[in-house]
Amino acid sequence: MSLDRKLMQQLRQLDRHDLRRVLIFVRGLLHSIGDEAAEVVEAGSVTYRLETVRCGKASCTTCPHGPYWYAYYRDGGRLRSRYIGRELPADVRASLADRA
């Protein structure tokens, strides 16, 4: 199925905020069908993963929020995670660019 020209035109008219909301929605759709390959980056013993999160507030109309990067690593046999933010750190991006 090809994308409708009207849809493409409407997407081009969106501002940055609404484009990010569309991106979050599309990533959620991809996640629901099990396609997460583009959202995981491995750098040594740390895996960086792009995730959306739910805030848990019953009145929230913008859930899920994000996407946000999280770092996953092993600490004494336990899997730990750490919030990174909306962007990967510059040193991680640089090391990934060097490896490519």
PDB file of N, CA and C in Angstrom:
ATOM      1  N   MET A   1       0.842  -1.173   0.000  1.00  0.00           N
ATOM      2  CA  MET A   1       0.000   0.000   0.000  1.00  0.00           C
ATOM      3  C   MET A   1       0.890   1.240   0.000  1.00  0.00           C
ATOM      4  N   SER A   2       0.646   2.143  -0.928  1.00  0.00           N
ATOM      5  CA  SER A   2       1.451   3.358  -0.996  1.00  0.00           C
ATOM      6  C   SER A   2       0.842   4.440  -0.103  1.00  0.00           C
ATOM      7  N   LEU A   3       1.691   5.363   0.309  1.00  0.00           N
ATOM      8  CA  LEU A   3       1.211   6.458   1.148  1.00  0.00           C
ATOM      9  C   LEU A   3       0.405   7.437   0.304  1.00  0.00           C
ATOM     10  N   ASP A   4      -0.669   7.873   0.845  1.00  0.00           N
ATOM     11  CA  ASP A   4      -1.553   8.823   0.193  1.00  0.00           C
ATOM     12  C   ASP A   4      -0.846  10.179   0.068  1.00  0.00           C
ATOM     13  N   ARG A   5      -0.990  10.826  -1.077  1.00  0.00           N
ATOM     14  CA  ARG A   5      -0.375  12.153  -1.272  1.00  0.00           C
ATOM     15  C   ARG A   5      -0.894  13.167  -0.269  1.00  0.00           C
ATOM     16  N   LYS A   6      -2.175  13.068   0.069  1.00  0.00           N
ATOM     17  CA  LYS A   6      -2.759  14.001   1.033  1.00  0.00           C
ATOM     18  C   LYS A   6      -2.093  13.846   2.399  1.00  0.00           C
ATOM     19  N   LEU A   7      -1.832  12.595   2.810  1.00  0.00           N
ATOM     20  CA  LEU A   7      -1.157  12.341   4.081  1.00  0.00           C
ATOM     21  C   LEU A   7       0.246  12.934   4.062  1.00  0.00           C
ATOM     22  N   MET A   8       0.970  12.709   2.983  1.00  0.00           N
ATOM     23  CA  MET A   8       2.333  13.264   2.866  1.00  0.00           C
ATOM     24  C   MET A   8       2.303  14.786   2.947  1.00  0.00           C
ATOM     25  N   GLN A   9       1.339  15.394   2.304  1.00  0.00           N
ATOM     26  CA  GLN A   9       1.215  16.853   2.324  1.00  0.00           C
ATOM     27  C   GLN A   9       0.909  17.353   3.737  1.00  0.00           C
ATOM     28  N   GLN A  10       0.038  16.640   4.439  1.00  0.00           N
ATOM     29  CA  GLN A  10      -0.302  17.028   5.808  1.00  0.00           C
ATOM     30  C   GLN A  10       0.904  16.890   6.731  1.00  0.00           C
ATOM     31  N   LEU A  11       1.700  15.847   6.547  1.00  0.00           N
ATOM     32  CA  LEU A  11       2.901  15.668   7.360  1.00  0.00           C
ATOM     33  C   LEU A  11       3.888  16.807   7.138  1.00  0.00           C
ATOM     34  N   ARG A  12       4.020  17.253   5.909  1.00  0.00           N
ATOM     35  CA  ARG A  12       4.948  18.358   5.606  1.00  0.00           C
ATOM     36  C   ARG A  12       4.531  19.666   6.267  1.00  0.00           C
ATOM     37  N   GLN A  13       3.262  19.810   6.584  1.00  0.00           N
ATOM     38  CA  GLN A  13       2.763  21.053   7.175  1.00  0.00           C
ATOM     39  C   GLN A  13       2.866  21.070   8.702  1.00  0.00           C
ATOM     40  N   LEU A  14       3.233  19.955   9.305  1.00  0.00           N
ATOM     41  CA  LEU A  14       3.311  19.884  10.760  1.00  0.00           C
ATOM     42  C   LEU A  14       4.540  20.612  11.295  1.00  0.00           C
ATOM     43  N   ASP A  15       4.413  21.166  12.494  1.00  0.00           N
ATOM     44  CA  ASP A  15       5.566  21.789  13.128  1.00  0.00           C
ATOM     45  C   ASP A  15       6.405  20.713  13.830  1.00  0.00           C
ATOM     46  N   ARG A  16       7.511  21.128  14.398  1.00  0.00           N
ATOM     47  CA  ARG A  16       8.470  20.195  15.018  1.00  0.00           C
ATOM     48  C   ARG A  16       7.820  19.356  16.127  1.00  0.00           C
ATOM     49  N   HIS A  17       7.029  20.001  16.971  1.00  0.00           N
ATOM     50  CA  HIS A  17       6.382  19.311  18.084  1.00  0.00           C
ATOM     51  C   HIS A  17       5.443  18.214  17.575  1.00  0.00           C
ATOM     52  N   ASP A  18       4.597  18.542  16.609  1.00  0.00           N
ATOM     53  CA  ASP A  18       3.657  17.552  16.083  1.00  0.00           C
ATOM     54  C   ASP A  18       4.370  16.445  15.312  1.00  0.00           C
ATOM     55  N   LEU A  19       5.468  16.767  14.636  1.00  0.00           N
ATOM     56  CA  LEU A  19       6.238  15.728  13.945  1.00  0.00           C
ATOM     57  C   LEU A  19       6.826  14.743  14.950  1.00  0.00           C
ATOM     58  N   ARG A  20       7.289  15.247  16.090  1.00  0.00           N
ATOM     59  CA  ARG A  20       7.809  14.348  17.135  1.00  0.00           C
ATOM     60  C   ARG A  20       6.700  13.449  17.674  1.00  0.00           C
ATOM     61  N   ARG A  21       5.492  13.986  17.825  1.00  0.00           N
ATOM     62  CA  ARG A  21       4.369  13.176  18.290  1.00  0.00           C
ATOM     63  C   ARG A  21       4.032  12.081  17.279  1.00  0.00           C
ATOM     64  N   VAL A  22       4.090  12.409  15.985  1.00  0.00           N
ATOM     65  CA  VAL A  22       3.857  11.408  14.943  1.00  0.00           C
ATOM     66  C   VAL A  22       4.951  10.346  15.006  1.00  0.00           C
ATOM     67  N   LEU A  23       6.192  10.775  15.200  1.00  0.00           N
ATOM     68  CA  LEU A  23       7.314   9.844  15.297  1.00  0.00           C
ATOM     69  C   LEU A  23       7.125   8.875  16.467  1.00  0.00           C
ATOM     70  N   ILE A  24       6.709   9.393  17.613  1.00  0.00           N
ATOM     71  CA  ILE A  24       6.447   8.554  18.778  1.00  0.00           C
ATOM     72  C   ILE A  24       5.349   7.549  18.466  1.00  0.00           C
ATOM     73  N   PHE A  25       4.305   8.007  17.810  1.00  0.00           N
ATOM     74  CA  PHE A  25       3.200   7.125  17.454  1.00  0.00           C
ATOM     75  C   PHE A  25       3.661   6.011  16.514  1.00  0.00           C
ATOM     76  N   VAL A  26       4.443   6.365  15.498  1.00  0.00           N
ATOM     77  CA  VAL A  26       4.923   5.376  14.533  1.00  0.00           C
ATOM     78  C   VAL A  26       5.877   4.391  15.209  1.00  0.00           C
ATOM     79  N   ARG A  27       6.752   4.886  16.070  1.00  0.00           N
ATOM     80  CA  ARG A  27       7.641   3.975  16.803  1.00  0.00           C
ATOM     81  C   ARG A  27       6.841   3.011  17.664  1.00  0.00           C
ATOM     82  N   GLY A  28       5.750   3.500  18.257  1.00  0.00           N
ATOM     83  CA  GLY A  28       4.881   2.632  19.042  1.00  0.00           C
ATOM     84  C   GLY A  28       4.257   1.543  18.183  1.00  0.00           C
ATOM     85  N   LEU A  29       3.848   1.909  16.985  1.00  0.00           N
ATOM     86  CA  LEU A  29       3.300   0.911  16.062  1.00  0.00           C
ATOM     87  C   LEU A  29       4.354  -0.129  15.700  1.00  0.00           C
ATOM     88  N   LEU A  30       5.566   0.341  15.397  1.00  0.00           N
ATOM     89  CA  LEU A  30       6.648  -0.593  15.065  1.00  0.00           C
ATOM     90  C   LEU A  30       6.967  -1.500  16.248  1.00  0.00           C
ATOM     91  N   HIS A  31       6.967  -0.914  17.440  1.00  0.00           N
ATOM     92  CA  HIS A  31       7.240  -1.698  18.644  1.00  0.00           C
ATOM     93  C   HIS A  31       6.174  -2.773  18.842  1.00  0.00           C
ATOM     94  N   SER A  32       4.911  -2.431  18.562  1.00  0.00           N
ATOM     95  CA  SER A  32       3.818  -3.380  18.771  1.00  0.00           C
ATOM     96  C   SER A  32       3.884  -4.572  17.824  1.00  0.00           C
ATOM     97  N   ILE A  33       4.548  -4.403  16.679  1.00  0.00           N
ATOM     98  CA  ILE A  33       4.686  -5.540  15.765  1.00  0.00           C
ATOM     99  C   ILE A  33       6.047  -6.217  15.907  1.00  0.00           C
ATOM    100  N   GLY A  34       6.827  -5.753  16.892  1.00  0.00           N
ATOM    101  CA  GLY A  34       8.091  -6.426  17.203  1.00  0.00           C
ATOM    102  C   GLY A  34       9.290  -5.916  16.428  1.00  0.00           C
ATOM    103  N   ASP A  35       9.189  -4.782  15.767  1.00  0.00           N
ATOM    104  CA  ASP A  35      10.306  -4.229  15.006  1.00  0.00           C
ATOM    105  C   ASP A  35      11.035  -3.197  15.857  1.00  0.00           C
ATOM    106  N   GLU A  36      12.110  -3.617  16.557  1.00  0.00           N
ATOM    107  CA  GLU A  36      12.853  -2.713  17.428  1.00  0.00           C
ATOM    108  C   GLU A  36      14.306  -2.575  17.004  1.00  0.00           C
ATOM    109  N   ALA A  37      14.686  -3.145  15.871  1.00  0.00           N
ATOM    110  CA  ALA A  37      16.092  -3.197  15.481  1.00  0.00           C
ATOM    111  C   ALA A  37      16.711  -1.813  15.354  1.00  0.00           C
ATOM    112  N   ALA A  38      15.963  -0.827  14.891  1.00  0.00           N
ATOM    113  CA  ALA A  38      16.516   0.497  14.678  1.00  0.00           C
ATOM    114  C   ALA A  38      16.628   1.294  15.968  1.00  0.00           C
ATOM    115  N   GLU A  39      16.108   0.768  17.064  1.00  0.00           N
ATOM    116  CA  GLU A  39      16.082   1.516  18.309  1.00  0.00           C
ATOM    117  C   GLU A  39      17.103   1.024  19.321  1.00  0.00           C
ATOM    118  N   VAL A  40      17.974   0.097  18.945  1.00  0.00           N
ATOM    119  CA  VAL A  40      18.948  -0.464  19.875  1.00  0.00           C
ATOM    120  C   VAL A  40      20.348  -0.246  19.324  1.00  0.00           C
ATOM    121  N   VAL A  41      21.242   0.290  20.150  1.00  0.00           N
ATOM    122  CA  VAL A  41      22.622   0.537  19.770  1.00  0.00           C
ATOM    123  C   VAL A  41      23.514  -0.111  20.813  1.00  0.00           C
ATOM    124  N   GLU A  42      24.468  -0.913  20.377  1.00  0.00           N
ATOM    125  CA  GLU A  42      25.392  -1.543  21.322  1.00  0.00           C
ATOM    126  C   GLU A  42      26.746  -0.864  21.238  1.00  0.00           C
ATOM    127  N   ALA A  43      27.276  -0.513  22.390  1.00  0.00           N
ATOM    128  CA  ALA A  43      28.593   0.119  22.473  1.00  0.00           C
ATOM    129  C   ALA A  43      29.361  -0.562  23.593  1.00  0.00           C
ATOM    130  N   GLY A  44      30.155  -1.550  23.236  1.00  0.00           N
ATOM    131  CA  GLY A  44      30.907  -2.291  24.246  1.00  0.00           C
ATOM    132  C   GLY A  44      29.983  -3.118  25.105  1.00  0.00           C
ATOM    133  N   SER A  45      30.086  -2.967  26.413  1.00  0.00           N
ATOM    134  CA  SER A  45      29.258  -3.756  27.327  1.00  0.00           C
ATOM    135  C   SER A  45      27.957  -3.040  27.688  1.00  0.00           C
ATOM    136  N   VAL A  46      27.699  -1.886  27.070  1.00  0.00           N
ATOM    137  CA  VAL A  46      26.485  -1.119  27.348  1.00  0.00           C
ATOM    138  C   VAL A  46      25.607  -1.139  26.102  1.00  0.00           C
ATOM    139  N   THR A  47      24.320  -1.380  26.313  1.00  0.00           N
ATOM    140  CA  THR A  47      23.351  -1.317  25.219  1.00  0.00           C
ATOM    141  C   THR A  47      22.495  -0.089  25.436  1.00  0.00           C
ATOM    142  N   TYR A  48      22.395   0.750  24.413  1.00  0.00           N
ATOM    143  CA  TYR A  48      21.565   1.944  24.470  1.00  0.00           C
ATOM    144  C   TYR A  48      20.281   1.646  23.712  1.00  0.00           C
ATOM    145  N   ARG A  49      19.168   1.986  24.341  1.00  0.00           N
ATOM    146  CA  ARG A  49      17.885   1.660  23.749  1.00  0.00           C
ATOM    147  C   ARG A  49      16.963   2.860  23.783  1.00  0.00           C
ATOM    148  N   LEU A  50      16.288   3.118  22.672  1.00  0.00           N
ATOM    149  CA  LEU A  50      15.340   4.217  22.564  1.00  0.00           C
ATOM    150  C   LEU A  50      13.964   3.699  22.960  1.00  0.00           C
ATOM    151  N   GLU A  51      13.350   4.321  23.981  1.00  0.00           N
ATOM    152  CA  GLU A  51      12.078   3.835  24.507  1.00  0.00           C
ATOM    153  C   GLU A  51      11.098   4.977  24.736  1.00  0.00           C
ATOM    154  N   THR A  52       9.818   4.647  24.643  1.00  0.00           N
ATOM    155  CA  THR A  52       8.779   5.577  25.064  1.00  0.00           C
ATOM    156  C   THR A  52       8.277   5.102  26.424  1.00  0.00           C
ATOM    157  N   VAL A  53       7.821   6.033  27.246  1.00  0.00           N
ATOM    158  CA  VAL A  53       7.387   5.685  28.605  1.00  0.00           C
ATOM    159  C   VAL A  53       6.013   6.285  28.890  1.00  0.00           C
ATOM    160  N   ARG A  54       5.284   5.621  29.757  1.00  0.00           N
ATOM    161  CA  ARG A  54       3.987   6.127  30.215  1.00  0.00           C
ATOM    162  C   ARG A  54       4.180   6.764  31.585  1.00  0.00           C
ATOM    163  N   CYS A  55       3.575   7.927  31.797  1.00  0.00           N
ATOM    164  CA  CYS A  55       3.768   8.651  33.055  1.00  0.00           C
ATOM    165  C   CYS A  55       2.895   8.095  34.177  1.00  0.00           C
ATOM    166  N   GLY A  56       1.818   7.414  33.858  1.00  0.00           N
ATOM    167  CA  GLY A  56       0.971   6.817  34.877  1.00  0.00           C
ATOM    168  C   GLY A  56      -0.159   7.710  35.363  1.00  0.00           C
ATOM    169  N   LYS A  57      -0.218   8.950  34.888  1.00  0.00           N
ATOM    170  CA  LYS A  57      -1.290   9.848  35.303  1.00  0.00           C
ATOM    171  C   LYS A  57      -2.554   9.516  34.513  1.00  0.00           C
ATOM    172  N   ALA A  58      -3.656   9.345  35.226  1.00  0.00           N
ATOM    173  CA  ALA A  58      -4.915   8.968  34.580  1.00  0.00           C
ATOM    174  C   ALA A  58      -5.410  10.042  33.618  1.00  0.00           C
ATOM    175  N   SER A  59      -5.091  11.297  33.903  1.00  0.00           N
ATOM    176  CA  SER A  59      -5.596  12.389  33.071  1.00  0.00           C
ATOM    177  C   SER A  59      -4.665  12.762  31.916  1.00  0.00           C
ATOM    178  N   CYS A  60      -3.556  12.052  31.747  1.00  0.00           N
ATOM    179  CA  CYS A  60      -2.590  12.396  30.703  1.00  0.00           C
ATOM    180  C   CYS A  60      -3.133  12.006  29.335  1.00  0.00           C
ATOM    181  N   THR A  61      -3.144  12.968  28.436  1.00  0.00           N
ATOM    182  CA  THR A  61      -3.646  12.716  27.078  1.00  0.00           C
ATOM    183  C   THR A  61      -2.523  12.602  26.062  1.00  0.00           C
ATOM    184  N   THR A  62      -1.278  12.749  26.499  1.00  0.00           N
ATOM    185  CA  THR A  62      -0.155  12.711  25.556  1.00  0.00           C
ATOM    186  C   THR A  62       0.732  11.485  25.713  1.00  0.00           C
ATOM    187  N   CYS A  63       0.330  10.516  26.535  1.00  0.00           N
ATOM    188  CA  CYS A  63       1.130   9.307  26.694  1.00  0.00           C
ATOM    189  C   CYS A  63       1.115   8.507  25.400  1.00  0.00           C
ATOM    190  N   PRO A  64       2.162   7.803  25.085  1.00  0.00           N
ATOM    191  CA  PRO A  64       3.425   7.712  25.806  1.00  0.00           C
ATOM    192  C   PRO A  64       4.315   8.915  25.527  1.00  0.00           C
ATOM    193  N   HIS A  65       5.260   9.160  26.420  1.00  0.00           N
ATOM    194  CA  HIS A  65       6.194  10.275  26.294  1.00  0.00           C
ATOM    195  C   HIS A  65       7.524   9.758  25.761  1.00  0.00           C
ATOM    196  N   GLY A  66       8.284  10.636  25.188  1.00  0.00           N
ATOM    197  CA  GLY A  66       9.593  10.237  24.672  1.00  0.00           C
ATOM    198  C   GLY A  66       9.659  10.489  23.189  1.00  0.00           C
ATOM    199  N   PRO A  67      10.515   9.800  22.516  1.00  0.00           N
ATOM    200  CA  PRO A  67      11.342   8.693  22.971  1.00  0.00           C
ATOM    201  C   PRO A  67      12.563   9.187  23.748  1.00  0.00           C
ATOM    202  N   TYR A  68      13.002   8.373  24.693  1.00  0.00           N
ATOM    203  CA  TYR A  68      14.160   8.671  25.517  1.00  0.00           C
ATOM    204  C   TYR A  68      15.163   7.527  25.405  1.00  0.00           C
ATOM    205  N   TRP A  69      16.441   7.861  25.500  1.00  0.00           N
ATOM    206  CA  TRP A  69      17.496   6.846  25.484  1.00  0.00           C
ATOM    207  C   TRP A  69      17.740   6.340  26.894  1.00  0.00           C
ATOM    208  N   TYR A  70      17.902   5.024  27.019  1.00  0.00           N
ATOM    209  CA  TYR A  70      18.267   4.377  28.273  1.00  0.00           C
ATOM    210  C   TYR A  70      19.495   3.515  28.020  1.00  0.00           C
ATOM    211  N   ALA A  71      20.374   3.452  29.005  1.00  0.00           N
ATOM    212  CA  ALA A  71      21.554   2.588  28.929  1.00  0.00           C
ATOM    213  C   ALA A  71      21.284   1.352  29.773  1.00  0.00           C
ATOM    214  N   TYR A  72      21.556   0.175  29.222  1.00  0.00           N
ATOM    215  CA  TYR A  72      21.408  -1.086  29.945  1.00  0.00           C
ATOM    216  C   TYR A  72      22.782  -1.725  30.074  1.00  0.00           C
ATOM    217  N   TYR A  73      23.086  -2.202  31.285  1.00  0.00           N
ATOM    218  CA  TYR A  73      24.394  -2.805  31.537  1.00  0.00           C
ATOM    219  C   TYR A  73      24.257  -3.813  32.673  1.00  0.00           C
ATOM    220  N   ARG A  74      25.235  -4.698  32.768  1.00  0.00           N
ATOM    221  CA  ARG A  74      25.248  -5.706  33.836  1.00  0.00           C
ATOM    222  C   ARG A  74      26.109  -5.209  34.986  1.00  0.00           C
ATOM    223  N   ASP A  75      25.588  -5.389  36.201  1.00  0.00           N
ATOM    224  CA  ASP A  75      26.311  -5.004  37.409  1.00  0.00           C
ATOM    225  C   ASP A  75      26.200  -6.164  38.386  1.00  0.00           C
ATOM    226  N   GLY A  76      27.270  -6.958  38.482  1.00  0.00           N
ATOM    227  CA  GLY A  76      27.264  -8.100  39.384  1.00  0.00           C
ATOM    228  C   GLY A  76      26.193  -9.123  39.044  1.00  0.00           C
ATOM    229  N   GLY A  77      25.952  -9.351  37.781  1.00  0.00           N
ATOM    230  CA  GLY A  77      24.962 -10.328  37.363  1.00  0.00           C
ATOM    231  C   GLY A  77      23.551  -9.783  37.219  1.00  0.00           C
ATOM    232  N   ARG A  78      23.309  -8.574  37.704  1.00  0.00           N
ATOM    233  CA  ARG A  78      21.983  -7.962  37.588  1.00  0.00           C
ATOM    234  C   ARG A  78      21.953  -6.998  36.416  1.00  0.00           C
ATOM    235  N   LEU A  79      20.850  -6.973  35.704  1.00  0.00           N
ATOM    236  CA  LEU A  79      20.677  -6.031  34.613  1.00  0.00           C
ATOM    237  C   LEU A  79      20.214  -4.701  35.193  1.00  0.00           C
ATOM    238  N   ARG A  80      20.959  -3.652  34.917  1.00  0.00           N
ATOM    239  CA  ARG A  80      20.632  -2.313  35.414  1.00  0.00           C
ATOM    240  C   ARG A  80      20.314  -1.410  34.231  1.00  0.00           C
ATOM    241  N   SER A  81      19.538  -0.371  34.494  1.00  0.00           N
ATOM    242  CA  SER A  81      19.259   0.616  33.454  1.00  0.00           C
ATOM    243  C   SER A  81      19.486   2.010  34.014  1.00  0.00           C
ATOM    244  N   ARG A  82      19.784   2.924  33.108  1.00  0.00           N
ATOM    245  CA  ARG A  82      20.011   4.313  33.494  1.00  0.00           C
ATOM    246  C   ARG A  82      19.433   5.219  32.418  1.00  0.00           C
ATOM    247  N   TYR A  83      18.668   6.221  32.835  1.00  0.00           N
ATOM    248  CA  TYR A  83      18.091   7.193  31.907  1.00  0.00           C
ATOM    249  C   TYR A  83      19.208   8.056  31.329  1.00  0.00           C
ATOM    250  N   ILE A  84      19.207   8.222  30.003  1.00  0.00           N
ATOM    251  CA  ILE A  84      20.211   9.039  29.338  1.00  0.00           C
ATOM    252  C   ILE A  84      19.623  10.381  28.904  1.00  0.00           C
ATOM    253  N   GLY A  85      18.493  10.367  28.241  1.00  0.00           N
ATOM    254  CA  GLY A  85      17.851  11.596  27.775  1.00  0.00           C
ATOM    255  C   GLY A  85      17.354  11.459  26.355  1.00  0.00           C
ATOM    256  N   ARG A  86      16.983  12.578  25.765  1.00  0.00           N
ATOM    257  CA  ARG A  86      16.446  12.560  24.397  1.00  0.00           C
ATOM    258  C   ARG A  86      17.518  12.307  23.351  1.00  0.00           C
ATOM    259  N   GLU A  87      18.756  12.654  23.646  1.00  0.00           N
ATOM    260  CA  GLU A  87      19.860  12.504  22.694  1.00  0.00           C
ATOM    261  C   GLU A  87      20.925  11.590  23.291  1.00  0.00           C
ATOM    262  N   LEU A  88      21.552  10.819  22.417  1.00  0.00           N
ATOM    263  CA  LEU A  88      22.711  10.045  22.874  1.00  0.00           C
ATOM    264  C   LEU A  88      23.851  10.999  23.166  1.00  0.00           C
ATOM    265  N   PRO A  89      24.671  10.737  24.183  1.00  0.00           N
ATOM    266  CA  PRO A  89      25.811  11.607  24.457  1.00  0.00           C
ATOM    267  C   PRO A  89      26.751  11.674  23.246  1.00  0.00           C
ATOM    268  N   ALA A  90      27.412  12.803  23.089  1.00  0.00           N
ATOM    269  CA  ALA A  90      28.293  13.028  21.936  1.00  0.00           C
ATOM    270  C   ALA A  90      29.407  11.989  21.859  1.00  0.00           C
ATOM    271  N   ASP A  91      29.958  11.591  23.016  1.00  0.00           N
ATOM    272  CA  ASP A  91      31.045  10.607  22.994  1.00  0.00           C
ATOM    273  C   ASP A  91      30.563   9.239  22.507  1.00  0.00           C
ATOM    274  N   VAL A  92      29.326   8.866  22.843  1.00  0.00           N
ATOM    275  CA  VAL A  92      28.777   7.594  22.366  1.00  0.00           C
ATOM    276  C   VAL A  92      28.546   7.654  20.864  1.00  0.00           C
ATOM    277  N   ARG A  93      27.954   8.771  20.404  1.00  0.00           N
ATOM    278  CA  ARG A  93      27.732   8.927  18.957  1.00  0.00           C
ATOM    279  C   ARG A  93      29.064   8.905  18.200  1.00  0.00           C
ATOM    280  N   ALA A  94      30.083   9.546  18.760  1.00  0.00           N
ATOM    281  CA  ALA A  94      31.383   9.593  18.094  1.00  0.00           C
ATOM    282  C   ALA A  94      32.004   8.202  18.035  1.00  0.00           C
ATOM    283  N   SER A  95      31.908   7.433  19.122  1.00  0.00           N
ATOM    284  CA  SER A  95      32.502   6.090  19.112  1.00  0.00           C
ATOM    285  C   SER A  95      31.765   5.171  18.143  1.00  0.00           C
ATOM    286  N   LEU A  96      30.459   5.358  18.003  1.00  0.00           N
ATOM    287  CA  LEU A  96      29.705   4.570  17.034  1.00  0.00           C
ATOM    288  C   LEU A  96      30.072   4.949  15.608  1.00  0.00           C
ATOM    289  N   ALA A  97      30.311   6.225  15.377  1.00  0.00           N
ATOM    290  CA  ALA A  97      30.707   6.679  14.044  1.00  0.00           C
ATOM    291  C   ALA A  97      32.096   6.143  13.686  1.00  0.00           C
ATOM    292  N   ASP A  98      32.987   6.054  14.678  1.00  0.00           N
ATOM    293  CA  ASP A  98      34.336   5.528  14.445  1.00  0.00           C
ATOM    294  C   ASP A  98      34.297   4.046  14.079  1.00  0.00           C
ATOM    295  N   ARG A  99      33.376   3.302  14.701  1.00  0.00           N
ATOM    296  CA  ARG A  99      33.269   1.867  14.442  1.00  0.00           C
ATOM    297  C   ARG A  99      32.664   1.564  13.078  1.00  0.00           C
ATOM    298  N   ALA A 100      31.862   2.482  12.568  1.00  0.00           N
ATOM    299  CA  ALA A 100      31.175   2.249  11.270  1.00  0.00           C
ATOM    300  C   ALA A 100      32.086   2.458  10.088  1.00  0.00           C
TER     301      ALA A 100
END
